[in-house]
Amino acid sequence: MKSPYKKLAVLSAAIALWSLPVPGLTGSFSWKSLIQGTAKIADDVPVHQADDVVQRLTRSKGITRKLDADLSRSGQLTDKMDDAARATVRKAAMFQALEKAIPDNPALLKEIRTLDHASQEAAVVLAKGGQSIVRAMPDIAGRGQLLKRGGADIVAAIGLHGDEAARAAMRLDAAIQGGSLIVPAGKRAVTLEDFGRIMTETGESGWRFWQTYVQPHWKLWLGSGALTLYLIDPEQFQDTAGQLSEAGFRHLGLLMGEVSAGAIRGISQGTAQVVEKIAVETTSSFLQTWQGFISGLLILFGISLLFRRVRYYVLWPLRWLNKTPNQT
């Protein structure tokens, strides 16, 4: 029979081992400090949902694709590299970006080096987001208010999509604070965090939709209530490729009218559909009977007479009618 003291010793050792910090775990890392440092805001500014946002980022497969795409555009990653070389370049680029974002906090950078790879990628995204916010909004008080209302979600979204997303967030925040964002009856008010969450979760497709359909027609989305509905449930409006879906087009038609919805879907697409419809209807009406066919030819002949060169040659046999018998 084992001694109770031995059991107690084993239990104490297990508890001690369980309590030790393990490299790669993010529970003790202060994501709030990383965001505050890179966005250059005061330590007392709250940053909501930091840990939750990081968990979502680490589960997302789109972050690695996004970071690799950025490295490929800069020429640091090439198709000729094997997996080992790509991993080396990727890790070096990540810490180069982090050193640039937090040059005055080597202790924090040292902590990031102990995290797992997915958490390190999340750190890069948040660091880039903080830097973009600083560039878009030099005023420290304004940055503090933006992060207070947008939380870690808005930092992650801006980190994924760049300075243009920072300006889009500021534009939306101004509309929400100014009361110009219409909220349809029975729907909840939306926040800047909603925008950040959607742009983070949908990735490139959501940002593509925003740039293609929302930004060029900002007042229509803002004043019809469509923007509020999109920020509540973007799947009502867009497909997985970031295009306006048929269901989304119908929603817009009900909210702002078919003309405005057609403008949002695209002038070129609408024009092509109109031309096709006219061509089909014209062909079906004129070619159903031989009388219609002849009528069509006469219409085309009449149109051709508008050109002087056509009139000259077509009416040449009839010019003798304008001459008197004495004329040669």
C-alpha atoms as a PDB file:
ATOM      1  CA  MET A   1       0.000   0.000   0.000  1.00  0.00           C
ATOM      2  CA  LYS A   2       1.368   3.366  -0.985  1.00  0.00           C
ATOM      3  CA  SER A   3       2.130   5.875   1.724  1.00  0.00           C
ATOM      4  CA  PRO A   4      -0.299   8.836   1.858  1.00  0.00           C
ATOM      5  CA  TYR A   5       2.761  11.089   1.993  1.00  0.00           C
ATOM      6  CA  LYS A   6       3.947   9.739  -1.350  1.00  0.00           C
ATOM      7  CA  LYS A   7       0.517  10.389  -2.876  1.00  0.00           C
ATOM      8  CA  LEU A   8       0.583  13.912  -1.517  1.00  0.00           C
ATOM      9  CA  ALA A   9       4.058  14.501  -2.934  1.00  0.00           C
ATOM     10  CA  VAL A  10       3.018  13.253  -6.386  1.00  0.00           C
ATOM     11  CA  LEU A  11      -0.093  15.454  -6.318  1.00  0.00           C
ATOM     12  CA  SER A  12       1.930  18.508  -5.279  1.00  0.00           C
ATOM     13  CA  ALA A  13       4.451  17.913  -8.062  1.00  0.00           C
ATOM     14  CA  ALA A  14       1.659  17.599 -10.623  1.00  0.00           C
ATOM     15  CA  ILE A  15       0.089  20.853  -9.472  1.00  0.00           C
ATOM     16  CA  ALA A  16       3.468  22.599  -9.620  1.00  0.00           C
ATOM     17  CA  LEU A  17       4.127  21.376 -13.146  1.00  0.00           C
ATOM     18  CA  TRP A  18       0.628  22.424 -14.237  1.00  0.00           C
ATOM     19  CA  SER A  19       1.218  25.926 -12.851  1.00  0.00           C
ATOM     20  CA  LEU A  20       4.479  26.497 -14.724  1.00  0.00           C
ATOM     21  CA  PRO A  21       4.259  28.849 -17.741  1.00  0.00           C
ATOM     22  CA  VAL A  22       4.506  26.869 -20.974  1.00  0.00           C
ATOM     23  CA  PRO A  23       6.084  28.463 -24.054  1.00  0.00           C
ATOM     24  CA  GLY A  24       3.542  28.858 -26.836  1.00  0.00           C
ATOM     25  CA  LEU A  25       0.517  29.379 -24.603  1.00  0.00           C
ATOM     26  CA  THR A  26      -1.070  32.809 -24.924  1.00  0.00           C
ATOM     27  CA  GLY A  27      -2.982  32.930 -21.658  1.00  0.00           C
ATOM     28  CA  SER A  28      -0.426  35.063 -19.783  1.00  0.00           C
ATOM     29  CA  PHE A  29       0.544  37.279 -22.694  1.00  0.00           C
ATOM     30  CA  SER A  30      -0.889  40.811 -22.618  1.00  0.00           C
ATOM     31  CA  TRP A  31      -2.434  41.393 -26.036  1.00  0.00           C
ATOM     32  CA  LYS A  32      -3.863  44.627 -24.705  1.00  0.00           C
ATOM     33  CA  SER A  33      -0.331  45.920 -24.082  1.00  0.00           C
ATOM     34  CA  LEU A  34       0.691  45.013 -27.640  1.00  0.00           C
ATOM     35  CA  ILE A  35      -2.259  46.923 -29.102  1.00  0.00           C
ATOM     36  CA  GLN A  36      -1.753  49.935 -26.849  1.00  0.00           C
ATOM     37  CA  GLY A  37       1.948  50.041 -27.680  1.00  0.00           C
ATOM     38  CA  THR A  38       1.658  49.778 -31.455  1.00  0.00           C
ATOM     39  CA  ALA A  39      -1.326  52.161 -31.640  1.00  0.00           C
ATOM     40  CA  LYS A  40       0.496  54.566 -29.311  1.00  0.00           C
ATOM     41  CA  ILE A  41      -2.400  55.154 -26.937  1.00  0.00           C
ATOM     42  CA  ALA A  42      -2.493  55.613 -23.186  1.00  0.00           C
ATOM     43  CA  ASP A  43      -2.322  52.568 -20.927  1.00  0.00           C
ATOM     44  CA  ASP A  44      -5.692  53.382 -19.362  1.00  0.00           C
ATOM     45  CA  VAL A  45      -7.589  53.155 -22.688  1.00  0.00           C
ATOM     46  CA  PRO A  46      -9.682  49.952 -22.616  1.00  0.00           C
ATOM     47  CA  VAL A  47      -9.268  47.506 -25.503  1.00  0.00           C
ATOM     48  CA  HIS A  48     -12.256  45.188 -25.556  1.00  0.00           C
ATOM     49  CA  GLN A  49     -12.220  41.526 -26.595  1.00  0.00           C
ATOM     50  CA  ALA A  50      -8.450  41.330 -27.117  1.00  0.00           C
ATOM     51  CA  ASP A  51      -8.093  37.677 -26.086  1.00  0.00           C
ATOM     52  CA  ASP A  52     -11.221  36.603 -27.990  1.00  0.00           C
ATOM     53  CA  VAL A  53     -10.055  38.335 -31.161  1.00  0.00           C
ATOM     54  CA  VAL A  54      -6.657  36.639 -30.939  1.00  0.00           C
ATOM     55  CA  GLN A  55      -8.326  33.244 -30.573  1.00  0.00           C
ATOM     56  CA  ARG A  56     -10.316  33.892 -33.739  1.00  0.00           C
ATOM     57  CA  LEU A  57      -7.200  35.051 -35.566  1.00  0.00           C
ATOM     58  CA  THR A  58      -5.218  31.966 -34.593  1.00  0.00           C
ATOM     59  CA  ARG A  59      -8.003  29.723 -35.910  1.00  0.00           C
ATOM     60  CA  SER A  60      -8.223  31.564 -39.220  1.00  0.00           C
ATOM     61  CA  LYS A  61      -6.414  30.074 -42.206  1.00  0.00           C
ATOM     62  CA  GLY A  62      -6.705  33.337 -44.086  1.00  0.00           C
ATOM     63  CA  ILE A  63      -4.042  35.109 -42.033  1.00  0.00           C
ATOM     64  CA  THR A  64      -1.186  32.971 -43.328  1.00  0.00           C
ATOM     65  CA  ARG A  65      -2.439  33.422 -46.911  1.00  0.00           C
ATOM     66  CA  LYS A  66      -2.675  37.171 -46.394  1.00  0.00           C
ATOM     67  CA  LEU A  67       0.814  37.493 -44.893  1.00  0.00           C
ATOM     68  CA  ASP A  68       2.278  35.248 -47.604  1.00  0.00           C
ATOM     69  CA  ALA A  69       0.589  37.331 -50.295  1.00  0.00           C
ATOM     70  CA  ASP A  70       2.165  40.487 -48.850  1.00  0.00           C
ATOM     71  CA  LEU A  71       5.596  38.812 -48.811  1.00  0.00           C
ATOM     72  CA  SER A  72       5.123  37.588 -52.382  1.00  0.00           C
ATOM     73  CA  ARG A  73       4.255  41.083 -53.581  1.00  0.00           C
ATOM     74  CA  SER A  74       7.404  42.423 -51.966  1.00  0.00           C
ATOM     75  CA  GLY A  75       9.482  39.671 -53.609  1.00  0.00           C
ATOM     76  CA  GLN A  76      10.538  38.050 -50.338  1.00  0.00           C
ATOM     77  CA  LEU A  77       8.653  34.835 -51.104  1.00  0.00           C
ATOM     78  CA  THR A  78       8.934  33.096 -54.468  1.00  0.00           C
ATOM     79  CA  ASP A  79       7.509  29.932 -55.979  1.00  0.00           C
ATOM     80  CA  LYS A  80      11.014  28.468 -56.286  1.00  0.00           C
ATOM     81  CA  MET A  81      11.440  28.262 -52.497  1.00  0.00           C
ATOM     82  CA  ASP A  82      10.873  24.985 -50.699  1.00  0.00           C
ATOM     83  CA  ASP A  83       8.823  24.750 -47.498  1.00  0.00           C
ATOM     84  CA  ALA A  84      11.838  25.145 -45.223  1.00  0.00           C
ATOM     85  CA  ALA A  85      13.020  28.279 -47.010  1.00  0.00           C
ATOM     86  CA  ARG A  86       9.537  29.767 -47.009  1.00  0.00           C
ATOM     87  CA  ALA A  87       9.204  29.137 -43.273  1.00  0.00           C
ATOM     88  CA  THR A  88      12.548  30.840 -42.612  1.00  0.00           C
ATOM     89  CA  VAL A  89      11.643  33.891 -44.691  1.00  0.00           C
ATOM     90  CA  ARG A  90       8.197  34.067 -43.114  1.00  0.00           C
ATOM     91  CA  LYS A  91       9.547  33.998 -39.554  1.00  0.00           C
ATOM     92  CA  ALA A  92      12.255  36.564 -40.290  1.00  0.00           C
ATOM     93  CA  ALA A  93       9.726  38.905 -41.908  1.00  0.00           C
ATOM     94  CA  MET A  94       7.327  38.556 -38.981  1.00  0.00           C
ATOM     95  CA  PHE A  95       9.895  39.597 -36.402  1.00  0.00           C
ATOM     96  CA  GLN A  96      11.235  42.347 -38.618  1.00  0.00           C
ATOM     97  CA  ALA A  97       7.707  43.772 -38.708  1.00  0.00           C
ATOM     98  CA  LEU A  98       7.317  43.369 -34.950  1.00  0.00           C
ATOM     99  CA  GLU A  99      10.679  45.009 -34.196  1.00  0.00           C
ATOM    100  CA  LYS A 100       9.608  47.960 -36.323  1.00  0.00           C
ATOM    101  CA  ALA A 101       6.229  48.168 -34.572  1.00  0.00           C
ATOM    102  CA  ILE A 102       7.536  47.967 -30.997  1.00  0.00           C
ATOM    103  CA  PRO A 103      11.149  49.162 -31.120  1.00  0.00           C
ATOM    104  CA  ASP A 104      11.109  50.454 -27.535  1.00  0.00           C
ATOM    105  CA  ASN A 105       9.774  47.301 -25.860  1.00  0.00           C
ATOM    106  CA  PRO A 106      12.289  44.446 -26.162  1.00  0.00           C
ATOM    107  CA  ALA A 107      10.695  42.593 -23.239  1.00  0.00           C
ATOM    108  CA  LEU A 108       7.382  42.363 -25.075  1.00  0.00           C
ATOM    109  CA  LEU A 109       9.143  41.224 -28.232  1.00  0.00           C
ATOM    110  CA  LYS A 110      10.918  38.533 -26.225  1.00  0.00           C
ATOM    111  CA  GLU A 111       7.564  37.305 -24.944  1.00  0.00           C
ATOM    112  CA  ILE A 112       6.202  37.104 -28.492  1.00  0.00           C
ATOM    113  CA  ARG A 113       9.114  34.850 -29.460  1.00  0.00           C
ATOM    114  CA  THR A 114       7.887  32.269 -26.944  1.00  0.00           C
ATOM    115  CA  LEU A 115       4.417  32.088 -28.509  1.00  0.00           C
ATOM    116  CA  ASP A 116       3.323  29.475 -31.028  1.00  0.00           C
ATOM    117  CA  HIS A 117       3.423  30.298 -34.728  1.00  0.00           C
ATOM    118  CA  ALA A 118      -0.289  31.077 -35.078  1.00  0.00           C
ATOM    119  CA  SER A 119      -0.129  33.491 -32.127  1.00  0.00           C
ATOM    120  CA  GLN A 120       2.935  35.174 -33.614  1.00  0.00           C
ATOM    121  CA  GLU A 121       1.008  35.732 -36.844  1.00  0.00           C
ATOM    122  CA  ALA A 122      -1.836  37.243 -34.816  1.00  0.00           C
ATOM    123  CA  ALA A 123       0.691  39.557 -33.161  1.00  0.00           C
ATOM    124  CA  VAL A 124       1.902  40.732 -36.573  1.00  0.00           C
ATOM    125  CA  VAL A 125      -1.664  41.490 -37.671  1.00  0.00           C
ATOM    126  CA  LEU A 126      -2.407  43.490 -34.509  1.00  0.00           C
ATOM    127  CA  ALA A 127       0.922  45.326 -34.743  1.00  0.00           C
ATOM    128  CA  LYS A 128       0.245  46.310 -38.357  1.00  0.00           C
ATOM    129  CA  GLY A 129      -3.241  47.429 -37.368  1.00  0.00           C
ATOM    130  CA  GLY A 130      -1.884  49.663 -34.635  1.00  0.00           C
ATOM    131  CA  GLN A 131       0.615  51.244 -37.020  1.00  0.00           C
ATOM    132  CA  SER A 132      -2.067  51.897 -39.647  1.00  0.00           C
ATOM    133  CA  ILE A 133      -4.266  53.597 -37.064  1.00  0.00           C
ATOM    134  CA  VAL A 134      -1.384  55.890 -36.087  1.00  0.00           C
ATOM    135  CA  ARG A 135      -0.831  56.860 -39.725  1.00  0.00           C
ATOM    136  CA  ALA A 136      -4.542  57.455 -40.381  1.00  0.00           C
ATOM    137  CA  MET A 137      -5.203  59.345 -37.148  1.00  0.00           C
ATOM    138  CA  PRO A 138      -2.247  61.309 -35.755  1.00  0.00           C
ATOM    139  CA  ASP A 139      -4.324  62.663 -32.852  1.00  0.00           C
ATOM    140  CA  ILE A 140      -3.709  60.468 -29.791  1.00  0.00           C
ATOM    141  CA  ALA A 141      -7.057  61.330 -28.197  1.00  0.00           C
ATOM    142  CA  GLY A 142      -8.891  60.421 -31.407  1.00  0.00           C
ATOM    143  CA  ARG A 143      -7.048  57.091 -31.602  1.00  0.00           C
ATOM    144  CA  GLY A 144      -8.007  56.355 -28.029  1.00  0.00           C
ATOM    145  CA  GLN A 145     -11.679  56.947 -28.749  1.00  0.00           C
ATOM    146  CA  LEU A 146     -11.529  54.860 -31.923  1.00  0.00           C
ATOM    147  CA  LEU A 147     -10.040  51.896 -30.072  1.00  0.00           C
ATOM    148  CA  LYS A 148     -12.375  52.353 -27.142  1.00  0.00           C
ATOM    149  CA  ARG A 149     -15.363  51.993 -29.477  1.00  0.00           C
ATOM    150  CA  GLY A 150     -13.866  49.497 -31.910  1.00  0.00           C
ATOM    151  CA  GLY A 151     -11.878  47.297 -29.567  1.00  0.00           C
ATOM    152  CA  ALA A 152      -9.385  44.707 -30.720  1.00  0.00           C
ATOM    153  CA  ASP A 153     -11.727  43.781 -33.580  1.00  0.00           C
ATOM    154  CA  ILE A 154     -11.093  47.038 -35.385  1.00  0.00           C
ATOM    155  CA  VAL A 155      -7.314  46.747 -34.892  1.00  0.00           C
ATOM    156  CA  ALA A 156      -7.324  43.229 -36.373  1.00  0.00           C
ATOM    157  CA  ALA A 157      -9.440  44.303 -39.351  1.00  0.00           C
ATOM    158  CA  ILE A 158      -7.159  47.240 -40.102  1.00  0.00           C
ATOM    159  CA  GLY A 159      -4.108  45.025 -39.698  1.00  0.00           C
ATOM    160  CA  LEU A 160      -5.469  42.661 -42.332  1.00  0.00           C
ATOM    161  CA  HIS A 161      -6.614  45.265 -44.852  1.00  0.00           C
ATOM    162  CA  GLY A 162      -4.316  48.241 -44.380  1.00  0.00           C
ATOM    163  CA  ASP A 163      -4.573  52.010 -44.193  1.00  0.00           C
ATOM    164  CA  GLU A 164      -7.660  52.181 -46.397  1.00  0.00           C
ATOM    165  CA  ALA A 165      -9.528  50.079 -43.841  1.00  0.00           C
ATOM    166  CA  ALA A 166      -8.450  52.522 -41.127  1.00  0.00           C
ATOM    167  CA  ARG A 167      -9.984  55.382 -43.090  1.00  0.00           C
ATOM    168  CA  ALA A 168     -13.147  53.330 -43.675  1.00  0.00           C
ATOM    169  CA  ALA A 169     -13.397  52.671 -39.930  1.00  0.00           C
ATOM    170  CA  MET A 170     -13.025  56.378 -39.163  1.00  0.00           C
ATOM    171  CA  ARG A 171     -15.733  57.209 -41.708  1.00  0.00           C
ATOM    172  CA  LEU A 172     -18.121  54.673 -40.223  1.00  0.00           C
ATOM    173  CA  ASP A 173     -17.351  55.796 -36.678  1.00  0.00           C
ATOM    174  CA  ALA A 174     -18.138  59.399 -37.610  1.00  0.00           C
ATOM    175  CA  ALA A 175     -21.475  58.311 -39.129  1.00  0.00           C
ATOM    176  CA  ILE A 176     -22.411  56.293 -36.036  1.00  0.00           C
ATOM    177  CA  GLN A 177     -21.431  59.063 -33.628  1.00  0.00           C
ATOM    178  CA  GLY A 178     -23.124  61.721 -35.762  1.00  0.00           C
ATOM    179  CA  GLY A 179     -26.416  59.827 -35.950  1.00  0.00           C
ATOM    180  CA  SER A 180     -26.487  59.619 -39.760  1.00  0.00           C
ATOM    181  CA  LEU A 181     -26.492  55.805 -39.836  1.00  0.00           C
ATOM    182  CA  ILE A 182     -30.140  54.806 -40.177  1.00  0.00           C
ATOM    183  CA  VAL A 183     -31.308  51.872 -38.042  1.00  0.00           C
ATOM    184  CA  PRO A 184     -34.418  50.128 -39.461  1.00  0.00           C
ATOM    185  CA  ALA A 185     -37.330  49.578 -37.098  1.00  0.00           C
ATOM    186  CA  GLY A 186     -36.922  46.536 -34.916  1.00  0.00           C
ATOM    187  CA  LYS A 187     -33.174  46.226 -35.534  1.00  0.00           C
ATOM    188  CA  ARG A 188     -30.391  46.813 -33.042  1.00  0.00           C
ATOM    189  CA  ALA A 189     -27.915  49.635 -33.325  1.00  0.00           C
ATOM    190  CA  VAL A 190     -24.554  48.585 -34.734  1.00  0.00           C
ATOM    191  CA  THR A 191     -21.104  49.509 -33.495  1.00  0.00           C
ATOM    192  CA  LEU A 192     -17.611  49.928 -34.845  1.00  0.00           C
ATOM    193  CA  GLU A 193     -16.821  46.517 -33.356  1.00  0.00           C
ATOM    194  CA  ASP A 194     -19.351  44.970 -35.766  1.00  0.00           C
ATOM    195  CA  PHE A 195     -17.405  46.366 -38.708  1.00  0.00           C
ATOM    196  CA  GLY A 196     -14.128  45.072 -37.309  1.00  0.00           C
ATOM    197  CA  ARG A 197     -15.552  41.627 -36.602  1.00  0.00           C
ATOM    198  CA  ILE A 198     -17.009  41.265 -40.102  1.00  0.00           C
ATOM    199  CA  MET A 199     -13.858  42.454 -41.866  1.00  0.00           C
ATOM    200  CA  THR A 200     -11.798  40.045 -39.770  1.00  0.00           C
ATOM    201  CA  GLU A 201     -14.059  37.010 -40.140  1.00  0.00           C
ATOM    202  CA  THR A 202     -14.885  37.424 -43.844  1.00  0.00           C
ATOM    203  CA  GLY A 203     -11.342  38.437 -44.785  1.00  0.00           C
ATOM    204  CA  GLU A 204     -10.674  39.398 -48.396  1.00  0.00           C
ATOM    205  CA  SER A 205     -14.239  38.705 -49.557  1.00  0.00           C
ATOM    206  CA  GLY A 206     -15.775  41.091 -47.024  1.00  0.00           C
ATOM    207  CA  TRP A 207     -13.265  43.841 -47.751  1.00  0.00           C
ATOM    208  CA  ARG A 208     -13.773  43.378 -51.492  1.00  0.00           C
ATOM    209  CA  PHE A 209     -17.540  43.758 -51.033  1.00  0.00           C
ATOM    210  CA  TRP A 210     -17.072  46.890 -48.934  1.00  0.00           C
ATOM    211  CA  GLN A 211     -14.777  48.530 -51.489  1.00  0.00           C
ATOM    212  CA  THR A 212     -16.868  47.522 -54.512  1.00  0.00           C
ATOM    213  CA  TYR A 213     -20.413  48.111 -53.340  1.00  0.00           C
ATOM    214  CA  VAL A 214     -20.484  50.099 -50.095  1.00  0.00           C
ATOM    215  CA  GLN A 215     -17.821  52.806 -50.356  1.00  0.00           C
ATOM    216  CA  PRO A 216     -18.764  54.118 -53.838  1.00  0.00           C
ATOM    217  CA  HIS A 217     -22.439  54.400 -52.797  1.00  0.00           C
ATOM    218  CA  TRP A 218     -21.926  55.420 -49.195  1.00  0.00           C
ATOM    219  CA  LYS A 219     -24.936  57.731 -48.808  1.00  0.00           C
ATOM    220  CA  LEU A 220     -27.344  55.158 -50.255  1.00  0.00           C
ATOM    221  CA  TRP A 221     -26.212  52.498 -47.799  1.00  0.00           C
ATOM    222  CA  LEU A 222     -26.127  54.962 -44.929  1.00  0.00           C
ATOM    223  CA  GLY A 223     -29.526  56.565 -45.425  1.00  0.00           C
ATOM    224  CA  SER A 224     -31.556  53.487 -46.373  1.00  0.00           C
ATOM    225  CA  GLY A 225     -30.711  51.322 -43.383  1.00  0.00           C
ATOM    226  CA  ALA A 226     -28.959  48.794 -45.631  1.00  0.00           C
ATOM    227  CA  LEU A 227     -25.592  49.396 -43.982  1.00  0.00           C
ATOM    228  CA  THR A 228     -27.001  48.567 -40.560  1.00  0.00           C
ATOM    229  CA  LEU A 229     -28.480  45.324 -41.869  1.00  0.00           C
ATOM    230  CA  TYR A 230     -25.214  44.421 -43.569  1.00  0.00           C
ATOM    231  CA  LEU A 231     -23.238  44.969 -40.358  1.00  0.00           C
ATOM    232  CA  ILE A 232     -25.712  42.758 -38.502  1.00  0.00           C
ATOM    233  CA  ASP A 233     -25.734  39.941 -41.071  1.00  0.00           C
ATOM    234  CA  PRO A 234     -23.451  40.334 -44.107  1.00  0.00           C
ATOM    235  CA  GLU A 235     -24.519  36.977 -45.547  1.00  0.00           C
ATOM    236  CA  GLN A 236     -27.854  38.571 -46.477  1.00  0.00           C
ATOM    237  CA  PHE A 237     -26.008  40.666 -49.040  1.00  0.00           C
ATOM    238  CA  GLN A 238     -22.775  39.054 -50.204  1.00  0.00           C
ATOM    239  CA  ASP A 239     -21.632  35.662 -51.405  1.00  0.00           C
ATOM    240  CA  THR A 240     -18.414  33.907 -50.443  1.00  0.00           C
ATOM    241  CA  ALA A 241     -16.520  35.614 -53.287  1.00  0.00           C
ATOM    242  CA  GLY A 242     -17.416  39.096 -52.085  1.00  0.00           C
ATOM    243  CA  GLN A 243     -19.986  39.741 -54.820  1.00  0.00           C
ATOM    244  CA  LEU A 244     -23.480  41.144 -54.329  1.00  0.00           C
ATOM    245  CA  SER A 245     -25.806  38.135 -54.215  1.00  0.00           C
ATOM    246  CA  GLU A 246     -29.265  37.989 -55.797  1.00  0.00           C
ATOM    247  CA  ALA A 247     -30.795  37.931 -52.325  1.00  0.00           C
ATOM    248  CA  GLY A 248     -28.720  40.990 -51.439  1.00  0.00           C
ATOM    249  CA  PHE A 249     -29.888  42.786 -54.573  1.00  0.00           C
ATOM    250  CA  ARG A 250     -33.511  42.101 -53.620  1.00  0.00           C
ATOM    251  CA  HIS A 251     -32.868  43.418 -50.113  1.00  0.00           C
ATOM    252  CA  LEU A 252     -31.378  46.604 -51.536  1.00  0.00           C
ATOM    253  CA  GLY A 253     -34.335  46.989 -53.903  1.00  0.00           C
ATOM    254  CA  LEU A 254     -36.775  46.861 -50.996  1.00  0.00           C
ATOM    255  CA  LEU A 255     -34.726  49.244 -48.888  1.00  0.00           C
ATOM    256  CA  MET A 256     -33.706  51.908 -51.384  1.00  0.00           C
ATOM    257  CA  GLY A 257     -35.630  51.222 -54.603  1.00  0.00           C
ATOM    258  CA  GLU A 258     -34.733  49.274 -57.719  1.00  0.00           C
ATOM    259  CA  VAL A 259     -33.016  52.196 -59.433  1.00  0.00           C
ATOM    260  CA  SER A 260     -30.582  52.749 -56.570  1.00  0.00           C
ATOM    261  CA  ALA A 261     -30.049  49.016 -56.148  1.00  0.00           C
ATOM    262  CA  GLY A 262     -29.287  48.746 -59.859  1.00  0.00           C
ATOM    263  CA  ALA A 263     -26.752  51.552 -59.558  1.00  0.00           C
ATOM    264  CA  ILE A 264     -25.025  49.727 -56.737  1.00  0.00           C
ATOM    265  CA  ARG A 265     -24.924  46.440 -58.611  1.00  0.00           C
ATOM    266  CA  GLY A 266     -23.129  48.230 -61.423  1.00  0.00           C
ATOM    267  CA  ILE A 267     -23.921  50.470 -64.384  1.00  0.00           C
ATOM    268  CA  SER A 268     -22.068  48.239 -66.843  1.00  0.00           C
ATOM    269  CA  GLN A 269     -23.862  45.115 -65.728  1.00  0.00           C
ATOM    270  CA  GLY A 270     -27.226  46.866 -65.835  1.00  0.00           C
ATOM    271  CA  THR A 271     -26.560  48.325 -69.267  1.00  0.00           C
ATOM    272  CA  ALA A 272     -25.604  44.941 -70.670  1.00  0.00           C
ATOM    273  CA  GLN A 273     -28.825  43.445 -69.374  1.00  0.00           C
ATOM    274  CA  VAL A 274     -30.902  46.260 -70.890  1.00  0.00           C
ATOM    275  CA  VAL A 275     -29.217  45.907 -74.292  1.00  0.00           C
ATOM    276  CA  GLU A 276     -29.715  42.164 -74.243  1.00  0.00           C
ATOM    277  CA  LYS A 277     -33.382  42.570 -73.339  1.00  0.00           C
ATOM    278  CA  ILE A 278     -33.975  45.086 -76.138  1.00  0.00           C
ATOM    279  CA  ALA A 279     -32.206  42.871 -78.672  1.00  0.00           C
ATOM    280  CA  VAL A 280     -34.260  39.824 -77.692  1.00  0.00           C
ATOM    281  CA  GLU A 281     -37.560  41.685 -77.725  1.00  0.00           C
ATOM    282  CA  THR A 282     -36.779  43.400 -81.035  1.00  0.00           C
ATOM    283  CA  THR A 283     -35.775  40.132 -82.712  1.00  0.00           C
ATOM    284  CA  SER A 284     -38.843  38.283 -81.447  1.00  0.00           C
ATOM    285  CA  SER A 285     -41.265  41.041 -82.528  1.00  0.00           C
ATOM    286  CA  PHE A 286     -39.826  41.700 -86.013  1.00  0.00           C
ATOM    287  CA  LEU A 287     -39.061  38.149 -87.066  1.00  0.00           C
ATOM    288  CA  GLN A 288     -42.330  36.546 -86.042  1.00  0.00           C
ATOM    289  CA  THR A 289     -43.968  37.469 -89.419  1.00  0.00           C
ATOM    290  CA  TRP A 290     -42.713  38.420 -92.899  1.00  0.00           C
ATOM    291  CA  GLN A 291     -44.447  41.778 -92.541  1.00  0.00           C
ATOM    292  CA  GLY A 292     -42.396  42.448 -89.428  1.00  0.00           C
ATOM    293  CA  PHE A 293     -39.201  41.472 -91.234  1.00  0.00           C
ATOM    294  CA  ILE A 294     -39.912  43.915 -94.061  1.00  0.00           C
ATOM    295  CA  SER A 295     -40.808  46.632 -91.563  1.00  0.00           C
ATOM    296  CA  GLY A 296     -37.458  46.114 -89.896  1.00  0.00           C
ATOM    297  CA  LEU A 297     -35.603  46.486 -93.183  1.00  0.00           C
ATOM    298  CA  LEU A 298     -37.497  49.685 -93.984  1.00  0.00           C
ATOM    299  CA  ILE A 299     -36.595  51.122 -90.601  1.00  0.00           C
ATOM    300  CA  LEU A 300     -32.923  50.356 -91.176  1.00  0.00           C
ATOM    301  CA  PHE A 301     -33.133  51.894 -94.676  1.00  0.00           C
ATOM    302  CA  GLY A 302     -34.680  55.064 -93.254  1.00  0.00           C
ATOM    303  CA  ILE A 303     -31.926  55.363 -90.672  1.00  0.00           C
ATOM    304  CA  SER A 304     -29.242  54.938 -93.342  1.00  0.00           C
ATOM    305  CA  LEU A 305     -30.625  57.942 -95.275  1.00  0.00           C
ATOM    306  CA  LEU A 306     -29.460  60.196 -92.461  1.00  0.00           C
ATOM    307  CA  PHE A 307     -25.935  59.904 -93.919  1.00  0.00           C
ATOM    308  CA  ARG A 308     -25.119  62.172 -96.896  1.00  0.00           C
ATOM    309  CA  ARG A 309     -22.935  59.647 -98.711  1.00  0.00           C
ATOM    310  CA  VAL A 310     -25.728  57.060 -98.559  1.00  0.00           C
ATOM    311  CA  ARG A 311     -28.277  59.581 -99.856  1.00  0.00           C
ATOM    312  CA  TYR A 312     -25.949  60.517-102.750  1.00  0.00           C
ATOM    313  CA  TYR A 313     -25.657  57.009-104.116  1.00  0.00           C
ATOM    314  CA  VAL A 314     -29.160  55.776-103.264  1.00  0.00           C
ATOM    315  CA  LEU A 315     -30.939  58.796-104.780  1.00  0.00           C
ATOM    316  CA  TRP A 316     -28.614  59.176-107.789  1.00  0.00           C
ATOM    317  CA  PRO A 317     -31.043  57.520-110.279  1.00  0.00           C
ATOM    318  CA  LEU A 318     -33.756  59.977-109.244  1.00  0.00           C
ATOM    319  CA  ARG A 319     -31.741  63.160-109.754  1.00  0.00           C
ATOM    320  CA  TRP A 320     -33.043  63.534-113.342  1.00  0.00           C
ATOM    321  CA  LEU A 321     -36.477  64.334-111.880  1.00  0.00           C
ATOM    322  CA  ASN A 322     -35.046  67.639-110.639  1.00  0.00           C
ATOM    323  CA  LYS A 323     -33.868  68.653-114.147  1.00  0.00           C
ATOM    324  CA  THR A 324     -35.867  70.446-116.845  1.00  0.00           C
ATOM    325  CA  PRO A 325     -35.914  69.026-120.413  1.00  0.00           C
ATOM    326  CA  ASN A 326     -33.482  71.807-121.533  1.00  0.00           C
ATOM    327  CA  GLN A 327     -30.841  70.752-118.976  1.00  0.00           C
ATOM    328  CA  THR A 328     -28.166  68.323-120.110  1.00  0.00           C
END
